[in-house]
Amino acid sequence: MKKQTTIIIETLINFYMKAYLLKNEEILELGAKIPGWKISKDHIHRCFTFSNFIEAFSFMTKVAFLSEKYNHHPNWDNVYSKVNIKFTTHDLGGISNLDQIIACEINNLLDN
């Protein structure tokens, strides 16, 4: 099911590739769509904790490849085993469809 979801997301991104701001109703639904992420007015944020630096850095590398795939990059930091990720779409001034999609993909990384 998760692979199917990823394929559907990739297909939609390739078709629509243009970022757009999420409407207020869509932002209110984000908590259910991207569990674990904190939703604010203009960004989404999540803190990840791993066993050690190598696991944290490996995760960051995977996120870097996803970010390149969508040409949409996070604000993030890493201290030893912790990785903080924040997404916002600066060009649009808020949370966009790309923020949601990448957060979903990052959650899928953790499930695999």
PDB file of N, CA and C in Angstrom:
ATOM      1  N   MET A   1       0.819  -1.199   0.000  1.00  0.00           N
ATOM      2  CA  MET A   1       0.000   0.000   0.000  1.00  0.00           C
ATOM      3  C   MET A   1       0.861   1.261   0.000  1.00  0.00           C
ATOM      4  N   LYS A   2       1.940   1.278   0.798  1.00  0.00           N
ATOM      5  CA  LYS A   2       2.791   2.467   0.861  1.00  0.00           C
ATOM      6  C   LYS A   2       3.490   2.715  -0.460  1.00  0.00           C
ATOM      7  N   LYS A   3       3.899   1.637  -1.144  1.00  0.00           N
ATOM      8  CA  LYS A   3       4.534   1.818  -2.451  1.00  0.00           C
ATOM      9  C   LYS A   3       3.530   2.377  -3.444  1.00  0.00           C
ATOM     10  N   GLN A   4       2.281   1.910  -3.364  1.00  0.00           N
ATOM     11  CA  GLN A   4       1.237   2.437  -4.228  1.00  0.00           C
ATOM     12  C   GLN A   4       1.035   3.924  -3.976  1.00  0.00           C
ATOM     13  N   THR A   5       0.998   4.297  -2.704  1.00  0.00           N
ATOM     14  CA  THR A   5       0.830   5.703  -2.345  1.00  0.00           C
ATOM     15  C   THR A   5       1.972   6.536  -2.907  1.00  0.00           C
ATOM     16  N   THR A   6       3.200   6.029  -2.783  1.00  0.00           N
ATOM     17  CA  THR A   6       4.362   6.749  -3.296  1.00  0.00           C
ATOM     18  C   THR A   6       4.271   6.905  -4.808  1.00  0.00           C
ATOM     19  N   ILE A   7       3.861   5.872  -5.505  1.00  0.00           N
ATOM     20  CA  ILE A   7       3.727   5.941  -6.959  1.00  0.00           C
ATOM     21  C   ILE A   7       2.675   6.976  -7.343  1.00  0.00           C
ATOM     22  N   ILE A   8       1.557   6.987  -6.627  1.00  0.00           N
ATOM     23  CA  ILE A   8       0.501   7.966  -6.908  1.00  0.00           C
ATOM     24  C   ILE A   8       1.025   9.381  -6.664  1.00  0.00           C
ATOM     25  N   ILE A   9       1.731   9.564  -5.563  1.00  0.00           N
ATOM     26  CA  ILE A   9       2.279  10.892  -5.249  1.00  0.00           C
ATOM     27  C   ILE A   9       3.256  11.323  -6.330  1.00  0.00           C
ATOM     28  N   GLU A  10       4.155  10.434  -6.747  1.00  0.00           N
ATOM     29  CA  GLU A  10       5.127  10.775  -7.792  1.00  0.00           C
ATOM     30  C   GLU A  10       4.425  11.137  -9.086  1.00  0.00           C
ATOM     31  N   THR A  11       3.390  10.410  -9.424  1.00  0.00           N
ATOM     32  CA  THR A  11       2.645  10.693 -10.649  1.00  0.00           C
ATOM     33  C   THR A  11       1.987  12.070 -10.569  1.00  0.00           C
ATOM     34  N   LEU A  12       1.369  12.363  -9.435  1.00  0.00           N
ATOM     35  CA  LEU A  12       0.729  13.664  -9.273  1.00  0.00           C
ATOM     36  C   LEU A  12       1.739  14.800  -9.322  1.00  0.00           C
ATOM     37  N   ILE A  13       2.879  14.609  -8.675  1.00  0.00           N
ATOM     38  CA  ILE A  13       3.920  15.651  -8.674  1.00  0.00           C
ATOM     39  C   ILE A  13       4.417  15.893 -10.085  1.00  0.00           C
ATOM     40  N   ASN A  14       4.678  14.824 -10.817  1.00  0.00           N
ATOM     41  CA  ASN A  14       5.169  14.990 -12.184  1.00  0.00           C
ATOM     42  C   ASN A  14       4.134  15.698 -13.057  1.00  0.00           C
ATOM     43  N   PHE A  15       2.849  15.462 -12.764  1.00  0.00           N
ATOM     44  CA  PHE A  15       1.799  16.086 -13.551  1.00  0.00           C
ATOM     45  C   PHE A  15       1.593  17.549 -13.145  1.00  0.00           C
ATOM     46  N   TYR A  16       1.546  17.795 -11.859  1.00  0.00           N
ATOM     47  CA  TYR A  16       1.220  19.134 -11.364  1.00  0.00           C
ATOM     48  C   TYR A  16       2.443  19.960 -10.959  1.00  0.00           C
ATOM     49  N   MET A  17       3.570  19.429 -10.836  1.00  0.00           N
ATOM     50  CA  MET A  17       4.841  19.940 -10.348  1.00  0.00           C
ATOM     51  C   MET A  17       4.853  21.369  -9.795  1.00  0.00           C
ATOM     52  N   LYS A  18       3.882  22.160 -10.072  1.00  0.00           N
ATOM     53  CA  LYS A  18       3.865  23.535  -9.587  1.00  0.00           C
ATOM     54  C   LYS A  18       3.383  23.581  -8.141  1.00  0.00           C
ATOM     55  N   ALA A  19       4.126  24.318  -7.320  1.00  0.00           N
ATOM     56  CA  ALA A  19       3.744  24.470  -5.912  1.00  0.00           C
ATOM     57  C   ALA A  19       2.577  25.452  -5.791  1.00  0.00           C
ATOM     58  N   TYR A  20       1.692  25.157  -4.859  1.00  0.00           N
ATOM     59  CA  TYR A  20       0.598  26.083  -4.550  1.00  0.00           C
ATOM     60  C   TYR A  20       0.370  26.051  -3.041  1.00  0.00           C
ATOM     61  N   LEU A  21      -0.045  27.174  -2.496  1.00  0.00           N
ATOM     62  CA  LEU A  21      -0.335  27.249  -1.064  1.00  0.00           C
ATOM     63  C   LEU A  21      -1.543  26.394  -0.718  1.00  0.00           C
ATOM     64  N   LEU A  22      -1.446  25.717   0.406  1.00  0.00           N
ATOM     65  CA  LEU A  22      -2.595  24.964   0.876  1.00  0.00           C
ATOM     66  C   LEU A  22      -3.632  25.935   1.443  1.00  0.00           C
ATOM     67  N   LYS A  23      -4.896  25.603   1.251  1.00  0.00           N
ATOM     68  CA  LYS A  23      -5.980  26.401   1.813  1.00  0.00           C
ATOM     69  C   LYS A  23      -6.073  26.104   3.305  1.00  0.00           C
ATOM     70  N   ASN A  24      -6.714  26.983   4.047  1.00  0.00           N
ATOM     71  CA  ASN A  24      -6.854  26.814   5.498  1.00  0.00           C
ATOM     72  C   ASN A  24      -7.439  25.456   5.870  1.00  0.00           C
ATOM     73  N   GLU A  25      -8.448  25.003   5.138  1.00  0.00           N
ATOM     74  CA  GLU A  25      -9.054  23.701   5.414  1.00  0.00           C
ATOM     75  C   GLU A  25      -8.044  22.577   5.224  1.00  0.00           C
ATOM     76  N   GLU A  26      -7.223  22.694   4.199  1.00  0.00           N
ATOM     77  CA  GLU A  26      -6.203  21.672   3.935  1.00  0.00           C
ATOM     78  C   GLU A  26      -5.146  21.666   5.036  1.00  0.00           C
ATOM     79  N   ILE A  27      -4.782  22.839   5.524  1.00  0.00           N
ATOM     80  CA  ILE A  27      -3.794  22.930   6.604  1.00  0.00           C
ATOM     81  C   ILE A  27      -4.352  22.284   7.872  1.00  0.00           C
ATOM     82  N   LEU A  28      -5.632  22.478   8.141  1.00  0.00           N
ATOM     83  CA  LEU A  28      -6.248  21.870   9.318  1.00  0.00           C
ATOM     84  C   LEU A  28      -6.244  20.341   9.246  1.00  0.00           C
ATOM     85  N   GLU A  29      -6.266  19.793   8.046  1.00  0.00           N
ATOM     86  CA  GLU A  29      -6.267  18.337   7.853  1.00  0.00           C
ATOM     87  C   GLU A  29      -4.868  17.733   7.845  1.00  0.00           C
ATOM     88  N   LEU A  30      -3.839  18.558   7.826  1.00  0.00           N
ATOM     89  CA  LEU A  30      -2.465  18.054   7.708  1.00  0.00           C
ATOM     90  C   LEU A  30      -2.059  17.114   8.833  1.00  0.00           C
ATOM     91  N   GLY A  31      -2.498  17.378  10.054  1.00  0.00           N
ATOM     92  CA  GLY A  31      -2.120  16.541  11.184  1.00  0.00           C
ATOM     93  C   GLY A  31      -2.422  15.071  10.947  1.00  0.00           C
ATOM     94  N   ALA A  32      -3.542  14.792  10.312  1.00  0.00           N
ATOM     95  CA  ALA A  32      -3.921  13.411  10.007  1.00  0.00           C
ATOM     96  C   ALA A  32      -3.143  12.864   8.816  1.00  0.00           C
ATOM     97  N   LYS A  33      -2.773  13.721   7.900  1.00  0.00           N
ATOM     98  CA  LYS A  33      -2.086  13.277   6.685  1.00  0.00           C
ATOM     99  C   LYS A  33      -0.589  13.076   6.886  1.00  0.00           C
ATOM    100  N   ILE A  34       0.001  13.862   7.790  1.00  0.00           N
ATOM    101  CA  ILE A  34       1.437  13.737   8.053  1.00  0.00           C
ATOM    102  C   ILE A  34       1.671  13.643   9.568  1.00  0.00           C
ATOM    103  N   PRO A  35       1.320  12.486  10.137  1.00  0.00           N
ATOM    104  CA  PRO A  35       1.443  12.321  11.585  1.00  0.00           C
ATOM    105  C   PRO A  35       2.870  12.560  12.072  1.00  0.00           C
ATOM    106  N   GLY A  36       2.968  13.162  13.255  1.00  0.00           N
ATOM    107  CA  GLY A  36       4.267  13.441  13.855  1.00  0.00           C
ATOM    108  C   GLY A  36       4.778  14.838  13.563  1.00  0.00           C
ATOM    109  N   TRP A  37       4.217  15.497  12.579  1.00  0.00           N
ATOM    110  CA  TRP A  37       4.651  16.844  12.205  1.00  0.00           C
ATOM    111  C   TRP A  37       3.835  17.875  12.962  1.00  0.00           C
ATOM    112  N   LYS A  38       4.491  18.923  13.408  1.00  0.00           N
ATOM    113  CA  LYS A  38       3.810  20.044  14.045  1.00  0.00           C
ATOM    114  C   LYS A  38       3.465  21.047  12.955  1.00  0.00           C
ATOM    115  N   ILE A  39       2.234  21.482  12.969  1.00  0.00           N
ATOM    116  CA  ILE A  39       1.737  22.386  11.932  1.00  0.00           C
ATOM    117  C   ILE A  39       1.591  23.780  12.527  1.00  0.00           C
ATOM    118  N   SER A  40       2.193  24.752  11.886  1.00  0.00           N
ATOM    119  CA  SER A  40       1.992  26.136  12.305  1.00  0.00           C
ATOM    120  C   SER A  40       1.361  26.897  11.142  1.00  0.00           C
ATOM    121  N   LYS A  41       1.207  28.169  11.331  1.00  0.00           N
ATOM    122  CA  LYS A  41       0.553  29.009  10.318  1.00  0.00           C
ATOM    123  C   LYS A  41       1.315  29.015   8.988  1.00  0.00           C
ATOM    124  N   ASP A  42       2.650  29.016   9.059  1.00  0.00           N
ATOM    125  CA  ASP A  42       3.428  29.179   7.826  1.00  0.00           C
ATOM    126  C   ASP A  42       4.493  28.115   7.586  1.00  0.00           C
ATOM    127  N   HIS A  43       4.535  27.072   8.435  1.00  0.00           N
ATOM    128  CA  HIS A  43       5.516  26.010   8.214  1.00  0.00           C
ATOM    129  C   HIS A  43       5.104  24.722   8.939  1.00  0.00           C
ATOM    130  N   ILE A  44       5.772  23.645   8.571  1.00  0.00           N
ATOM    131  CA  ILE A  44       5.625  22.382   9.290  1.00  0.00           C
ATOM    132  C   ILE A  44       6.996  22.013   9.839  1.00  0.00           C
ATOM    133  N   HIS A  45       7.004  21.296  10.966  1.00  0.00           N
ATOM    134  CA  HIS A  45       8.258  21.017  11.655  1.00  0.00           C
ATOM    135  C   HIS A  45       8.180  19.641  12.308  1.00  0.00           C
ATOM    136  N   ARG A  46       9.325  18.951  12.319  1.00  0.00           N
ATOM    137  CA  ARG A  46       9.401  17.683  13.038  1.00  0.00           C
ATOM    138  C   ARG A  46      10.823  17.457  13.518  1.00  0.00           C
ATOM    139  N   CYS A  47      10.934  16.906  14.712  1.00  0.00           N
ATOM    140  CA  CYS A  47      12.224  16.550  15.286  1.00  0.00           C
ATOM    141  C   CYS A  47      12.333  15.027  15.286  1.00  0.00           C
ATOM    142  N   PHE A  48      13.441  14.524  14.786  1.00  0.00           N
ATOM    143  CA  PHE A  48      13.696  13.092  14.715  1.00  0.00           C
ATOM    144  C   PHE A  48      14.883  12.768  15.614  1.00  0.00           C
ATOM    145  N   THR A  49      14.802  11.657  16.346  1.00  0.00           N
ATOM    146  CA  THR A  49      15.900  11.228  17.195  1.00  0.00           C
ATOM    147  C   THR A  49      16.302   9.809  16.801  1.00  0.00           C
ATOM    148  N   PHE A  50      17.589   9.625  16.595  1.00  0.00           N
ATOM    149  CA  PHE A  50      18.141   8.339  16.184  1.00  0.00           C
ATOM    150  C   PHE A  50      19.086   7.818  17.260  1.00  0.00           C
ATOM    151  N   SER A  51      19.601   6.625  17.057  1.00  0.00           N
ATOM    152  CA  SER A  51      20.490   6.005  18.046  1.00  0.00           C
ATOM    153  C   SER A  51      21.856   6.660  18.111  1.00  0.00           C
ATOM    154  N   ASN A  52      22.303   7.186  16.963  1.00  0.00           N
ATOM    155  CA  ASN A  52      23.643   7.766  16.911  1.00  0.00           C
ATOM    156  C   ASN A  52      23.753   8.710  15.711  1.00  0.00           C
ATOM    157  N   PHE A  53      24.911   9.316  15.571  1.00  0.00           N
ATOM    158  CA  PHE A  53      25.150  10.282  14.500  1.00  0.00           C
ATOM    159  C   PHE A  53      25.061   9.638  13.123  1.00  0.00           C
ATOM    160  N   ILE A  54      25.608   8.424  12.967  1.00  0.00           N
ATOM    161  CA  ILE A  54      25.603   7.763  11.656  1.00  0.00           C
ATOM    162  C   ILE A  54      24.169   7.550  11.170  1.00  0.00           C
ATOM    163  N   GLU A  55      23.283   7.091  12.045  1.00  0.00           N
ATOM    164  CA  GLU A  55      21.883   6.902  11.653  1.00  0.00           C
ATOM    165  C   GLU A  55      21.225   8.235  11.293  1.00  0.00           C
ATOM    166  N   ALA A  56      21.518   9.262  12.074  1.00  0.00           N
ATOM    167  CA  ALA A  56      20.950  10.587  11.799  1.00  0.00           C
ATOM    168  C   ALA A  56      21.437  11.109  10.453  1.00  0.00           C
ATOM    169  N   PHE A  57      22.726  10.977  10.203  1.00  0.00           N
ATOM    170  CA  PHE A  57      23.289  11.487   8.954  1.00  0.00           C
ATOM    171  C   PHE A  57      22.797  10.675   7.756  1.00  0.00           C
ATOM    172  N   SER A  58      22.635   9.374   7.936  1.00  0.00           N
ATOM    173  CA  SER A  58      22.090   8.535   6.863  1.00  0.00           C
ATOM    174  C   SER A  58      20.673   8.989   6.503  1.00  0.00           C
ATOM    175  N   PHE A  59      19.872   9.264   7.521  1.00  0.00           N
ATOM    176  CA  PHE A  59      18.517   9.764   7.310  1.00  0.00           C
ATOM    177  C   PHE A  59      18.548  11.100   6.561  1.00  0.00           C
ATOM    178  N   MET A  60      19.445  11.983   6.961  1.00  0.00           N
ATOM    179  CA  MET A  60      19.558  13.284   6.294  1.00  0.00           C
ATOM    180  C   MET A  60      19.930  13.121   4.827  1.00  0.00           C
ATOM    181  N   THR A  61      20.765  12.146   4.530  1.00  0.00           N
ATOM    182  CA  THR A  61      21.150  11.890   3.138  1.00  0.00           C
ATOM    183  C   THR A  61      19.937  11.460   2.319  1.00  0.00           C
ATOM    184  N   LYS A  62      19.114  10.594   2.894  1.00  0.00           N
ATOM    185  CA  LYS A  62      17.895  10.160   2.197  1.00  0.00           C
ATOM    186  C   LYS A  62      16.956  11.337   1.962  1.00  0.00           C
ATOM    187  N   VAL A  63      16.824  12.194   2.973  1.00  0.00           N
ATOM    188  CA  VAL A  63      15.972  13.381   2.832  1.00  0.00           C
ATOM    189  C   VAL A  63      16.544  14.321   1.769  1.00  0.00           C
ATOM    190  N   ALA A  64      17.868  14.420   1.702  1.00  0.00           N
ATOM    191  CA  ALA A  64      18.504  15.267   0.688  1.00  0.00           C
ATOM    192  C   ALA A  64      18.140  14.791  -0.719  1.00  0.00           C
ATOM    193  N   PHE A  65      18.139  13.480  -0.935  1.00  0.00           N
ATOM    194  CA  PHE A  65      17.771  12.950  -2.253  1.00  0.00           C
ATOM    195  C   PHE A  65      16.300  13.242  -2.571  1.00  0.00           C
ATOM    196  N   LEU A  66      15.426  13.106  -1.574  1.00  0.00           N
ATOM    197  CA  LEU A  66      14.017  13.458  -1.790  1.00  0.00           C
ATOM    198  C   LEU A  66      13.871  14.936  -2.139  1.00  0.00           C
ATOM    199  N   SER A  67      14.609  15.771  -1.433  1.00  0.00           N
ATOM    200  CA  SER A  67      14.544  17.213  -1.670  1.00  0.00           C
ATOM    201  C   SER A  67      14.988  17.566  -3.080  1.00  0.00           C
ATOM    202  N   GLU A  68      16.006  16.900  -3.550  1.00  0.00           N
ATOM    203  CA  GLU A  68      16.463  17.130  -4.930  1.00  0.00           C
ATOM    204  C   GLU A  68      15.419  16.648  -5.936  1.00  0.00           C
ATOM    205  N   LYS A  69      14.805  15.516  -5.628  1.00  0.00           N
ATOM    206  CA  LYS A  69      13.778  14.949  -6.515  1.00  0.00           C
ATOM    207  C   LYS A  69      12.658  15.960  -6.761  1.00  0.00           C
ATOM    208  N   TYR A  70      12.256  16.673  -5.704  1.00  0.00           N
ATOM    209  CA  TYR A  70      11.167  17.636  -5.815  1.00  0.00           C
ATOM    210  C   TYR A  70      11.656  19.077  -5.964  1.00  0.00           C
ATOM    211  N   ASN A  71      12.966  19.260  -5.934  1.00  0.00           N
ATOM    212  CA  ASN A  71      13.551  20.601  -5.982  1.00  0.00           C
ATOM    213  C   ASN A  71      12.912  21.502  -4.914  1.00  0.00           C
ATOM    214  N   HIS A  72      12.818  20.947  -3.726  1.00  0.00           N
ATOM    215  CA  HIS A  72      12.204  21.657  -2.594  1.00  0.00           C
ATOM    216  C   HIS A  72      12.983  21.247  -1.345  1.00  0.00           C
ATOM    217  N   HIS A  73      13.639  22.191  -0.718  1.00  0.00           N
ATOM    218  CA  HIS A  73      14.644  21.869   0.295  1.00  0.00           C
ATOM    219  C   HIS A  73      14.251  22.389   1.680  1.00  0.00           C
ATOM    220  N   PRO A  74      14.622  21.622   2.715  1.00  0.00           N
ATOM    221  CA  PRO A  74      14.234  21.995   4.083  1.00  0.00           C
ATOM    222  C   PRO A  74      15.186  22.993   4.723  1.00  0.00           C
ATOM    223  N   ASN A  75      14.694  23.628   5.766  1.00  0.00           N
ATOM    224  CA  ASN A  75      15.560  24.287   6.740  1.00  0.00           C
ATOM    225  C   ASN A  75      15.767  23.200   7.789  1.00  0.00           C
ATOM    226  N   TRP A  76      17.008  22.891   8.099  1.00  0.00           N
ATOM    227  CA  TRP A  76      17.227  21.816   9.055  1.00  0.00           C
ATOM    228  C   TRP A  76      18.527  21.975   9.797  1.00  0.00           C
ATOM    229  N   ASP A  77      18.611  21.235  10.903  1.00  0.00           N
ATOM    230  CA  ASP A  77      19.864  21.186  11.648  1.00  0.00           C
ATOM    231  C   ASP A  77      20.013  19.804  12.259  1.00  0.00           C
ATOM    232  N   ASN A  78      21.248  19.503  12.597  1.00  0.00           N
ATOM    233  CA  ASN A  78      21.589  18.198  13.158  1.00  0.00           C
ATOM    234  C   ASN A  78      22.565  18.399  14.306  1.00  0.00           C
ATOM    235  N   VAL A  79      22.236  17.812  15.446  1.00  0.00           N
ATOM    236  CA  VAL A  79      23.158  17.747  16.575  1.00  0.00           C
ATOM    237  C   VAL A  79      23.194  16.298  17.014  1.00  0.00           C
ATOM    238  N   TYR A  80      24.324  15.668  16.780  1.00  0.00           N
ATOM    239  CA  TYR A  80      24.575  14.259  17.075  1.00  0.00           C
ATOM    240  C   TYR A  80      23.451  13.364  16.540  1.00  0.00           C
ATOM    241  N   SER A  81      22.551  12.909  17.390  1.00  0.00           N
ATOM    242  CA  SER A  81      21.527  11.958  16.946  1.00  0.00           C
ATOM    243  C   SER A  81      20.173  12.610  16.665  1.00  0.00           C
ATOM    244  N   LYS A  82      20.107  13.921  16.735  1.00  0.00           N
ATOM    245  CA  LYS A  82      18.841  14.634  16.506  1.00  0.00           C
ATOM    246  C   LYS A  82      18.875  15.396  15.181  1.00  0.00           C
ATOM    247  N   VAL A  83      17.766  15.327  14.481  1.00  0.00           N
ATOM    248  CA  VAL A  83      17.602  16.054  13.225  1.00  0.00           C
ATOM    249  C   VAL A  83      16.286  16.820  13.311  1.00  0.00           C
ATOM    250  N   ASN A  84      16.352  18.125  13.158  1.00  0.00           N
ATOM    251  CA  ASN A  84      15.168  18.983  13.124  1.00  0.00           C
ATOM    252  C   ASN A  84      14.942  19.421  11.687  1.00  0.00           C
ATOM    253  N   ILE A  85      13.722  19.216  11.217  1.00  0.00           N
ATOM    254  CA  ILE A  85      13.384  19.588   9.840  1.00  0.00           C
ATOM    255  C   ILE A  85      12.198  20.545   9.854  1.00  0.00           C
ATOM    256  N   LYS A  86      12.333  21.597   9.080  1.00  0.00           N
ATOM    257  CA  LYS A  86      11.257  22.581   8.922  1.00  0.00           C
ATOM    258  C   LYS A  86      11.050  22.813   7.429  1.00  0.00           C
ATOM    259  N   PHE A  87       9.809  22.735   6.994  1.00  0.00           N
ATOM    260  CA  PHE A  87       9.465  23.032   5.607  1.00  0.00           C
ATOM    261  C   PHE A  87       8.500  24.198   5.545  1.00  0.00           C
ATOM    262  N   THR A  88       8.764  25.077   4.614  1.00  0.00           N
ATOM    263  CA  THR A  88       7.860  26.143   4.229  1.00  0.00           C
ATOM    264  C   THR A  88       8.189  26.468   2.778  1.00  0.00           C
ATOM    265  N   THR A  89       7.266  27.045   2.078  1.00  0.00           N
ATOM    266  CA  THR A  89       7.545  27.442   0.704  1.00  0.00           C
ATOM    267  C   THR A  89       7.735  28.952   0.699  1.00  0.00           C
ATOM    268  N   HIS A  90       9.005  29.357   0.763  1.00  0.00           N
ATOM    269  CA  HIS A  90       9.350  30.774   0.892  1.00  0.00           C
ATOM    270  C   HIS A  90       8.765  31.621  -0.241  1.00  0.00           C
ATOM    271  N   ASP A  91       8.839  31.092  -1.464  1.00  0.00           N
ATOM    272  CA  ASP A  91       8.353  31.852  -2.623  1.00  0.00           C
ATOM    273  C   ASP A  91       6.870  32.197  -2.513  1.00  0.00           C
ATOM    274  N   LEU A  92       6.115  31.321  -1.838  1.00  0.00           N
ATOM    275  CA  LEU A  92       4.671  31.528  -1.722  1.00  0.00           C
ATOM    276  C   LEU A  92       4.263  32.087  -0.362  1.00  0.00           C
ATOM    277  N   GLY A  93       5.176  32.038   0.601  1.00  0.00           N
ATOM    278  CA  GLY A  93       4.896  32.604   1.913  1.00  0.00           C
ATOM    279  C   GLY A  93       4.059  31.732   2.826  1.00  0.00           C
ATOM    280  N   GLY A  94       4.210  30.416   2.720  1.00  0.00           N
ATOM    281  CA  GLY A  94       3.435  29.541   3.603  1.00  0.00           C
ATOM    282  C   GLY A  94       3.633  28.075   3.293  1.00  0.00           C
ATOM    283  N   ILE A  95       2.672  27.274   3.730  1.00  0.00           N
ATOM    284  CA  ILE A  95       2.728  25.820   3.551  1.00  0.00           C
ATOM    285  C   ILE A  95       2.121  25.460   2.204  1.00  0.00           C
ATOM    286  N   SER A  96       2.883  24.710   1.423  1.00  0.00           N
ATOM    287  CA  SER A  96       2.420  24.341   0.087  1.00  0.00           C
ATOM    288  C   SER A  96       2.223  22.828  -0.031  1.00  0.00           C
ATOM    289  N   ASN A  97       1.697  22.440  -1.180  1.00  0.00           N
ATOM    290  CA  ASN A  97       1.535  21.032  -1.500  1.00  0.00           C
ATOM    291  C   ASN A  97       2.877  20.303  -1.450  1.00  0.00           C
ATOM    292  N   LEU A  98       3.969  20.949  -1.832  1.00  0.00           N
ATOM    293  CA  LEU A  98       5.280  20.301  -1.800  1.00  0.00           C
ATOM    294  C   LEU A  98       5.732  20.012  -0.371  1.00  0.00           C
ATOM    295  N   ASP A  99       5.442  20.904   0.551  1.00  0.00           N
ATOM    296  CA  ASP A  99       5.773  20.660   1.951  1.00  0.00           C
ATOM    297  C   ASP A  99       5.063  19.405   2.443  1.00  0.00           C
ATOM    298  N   GLN A 100       3.796  19.306   2.122  1.00  0.00           N
ATOM    299  CA  GLN A 100       3.001  18.151   2.527  1.00  0.00           C
ATOM    300  C   GLN A 100       3.535  16.866   1.903  1.00  0.00           C
ATOM    301  N   ILE A 101       3.823  16.893   0.627  1.00  0.00           N
ATOM    302  CA  ILE A 101       4.266  15.695  -0.082  1.00  0.00           C
ATOM    303  C   ILE A 101       5.605  15.204   0.453  1.00  0.00           C
ATOM    304  N   ILE A 102       6.544  16.110   0.654  1.00  0.00           N
ATOM    305  CA  ILE A 102       7.857  15.687   1.147  1.00  0.00           C
ATOM    306  C   ILE A 102       7.751  15.176   2.584  1.00  0.00           C
ATOM    307  N   ALA A 103       6.923  15.805   3.403  1.00  0.00           N
ATOM    308  CA  ALA A 103       6.735  15.311   4.770  1.00  0.00           C
ATOM    309  C   ALA A 103       6.172  13.889   4.748  1.00  0.00           C
ATOM    310  N   CYS A 104       5.250  13.632   3.855  1.00  0.00           N
ATOM    311  CA  CYS A 104       4.681  12.291   3.700  1.00  0.00           C
ATOM    312  C   CYS A 104       5.759  11.300   3.270  1.00  0.00           C
ATOM    313  N   GLU A 105       6.575  11.696   2.334  1.00  0.00           N
ATOM    314  CA  GLU A 105       7.668  10.832   1.860  1.00  0.00           C
ATOM    315  C   GLU A 105       8.669  10.563   2.986  1.00  0.00           C
ATOM    316  N   ILE A 106       8.963  11.579   3.790  1.00  0.00           N
ATOM    317  CA  ILE A 106       9.890  11.396   4.916  1.00  0.00           C
ATOM    318  C   ILE A 106       9.284  10.411   5.922  1.00  0.00           C
ATOM    319  N   ASN A 107       7.995  10.530   6.204  1.00  0.00           N
ATOM    320  CA  ASN A 107       7.350   9.564   7.086  1.00  0.00           C
ATOM    321  C   ASN A 107       7.456   8.143   6.518  1.00  0.00           C
ATOM    322  N   ASN A 108       7.333   8.018   5.214  1.00  0.00           N
ATOM    323  CA  ASN A 108       7.463   6.705   4.580  1.00  0.00           C
ATOM    324  C   ASN A 108       8.878   6.149   4.745  1.00  0.00           C
ATOM    325  N   LEU A 109       9.888   7.012   4.737  1.00  0.00           N
ATOM    326  CA  LEU A 109      11.267   6.548   4.968  1.00  0.00           C
ATOM    327  C   LEU A 109      11.376   5.850   6.308  1.00  0.00           C
ATOM    328  N   LEU A 110      10.710   6.393   7.308  1.00  0.00           N
ATOM    329  CA  LEU A 110      10.772   5.830   8.655  1.00  0.00           C
ATOM    330  C   LEU A 110       9.996   4.522   8.769  1.00  0.00           C
ATOM    331  N   ASP A 111       8.974   4.360   7.945  1.00  0.00           N
ATOM    332  CA  ASP A 111       8.167   3.144   7.981  1.00  0.00           C
ATOM    333  C   ASP A 111       8.851   1.971   7.287  1.00  0.00           C
ATOM    334  N   ASN A 112       9.831   2.268   6.461  1.00  0.00           N
ATOM    335  CA  ASN A 112      10.503   1.191   5.693  1.00  0.00           C
ATOM    336  C   ASN A 112      11.758   0.728   6.376  1.00  0.00           C
TER     337      ASN A 112
END
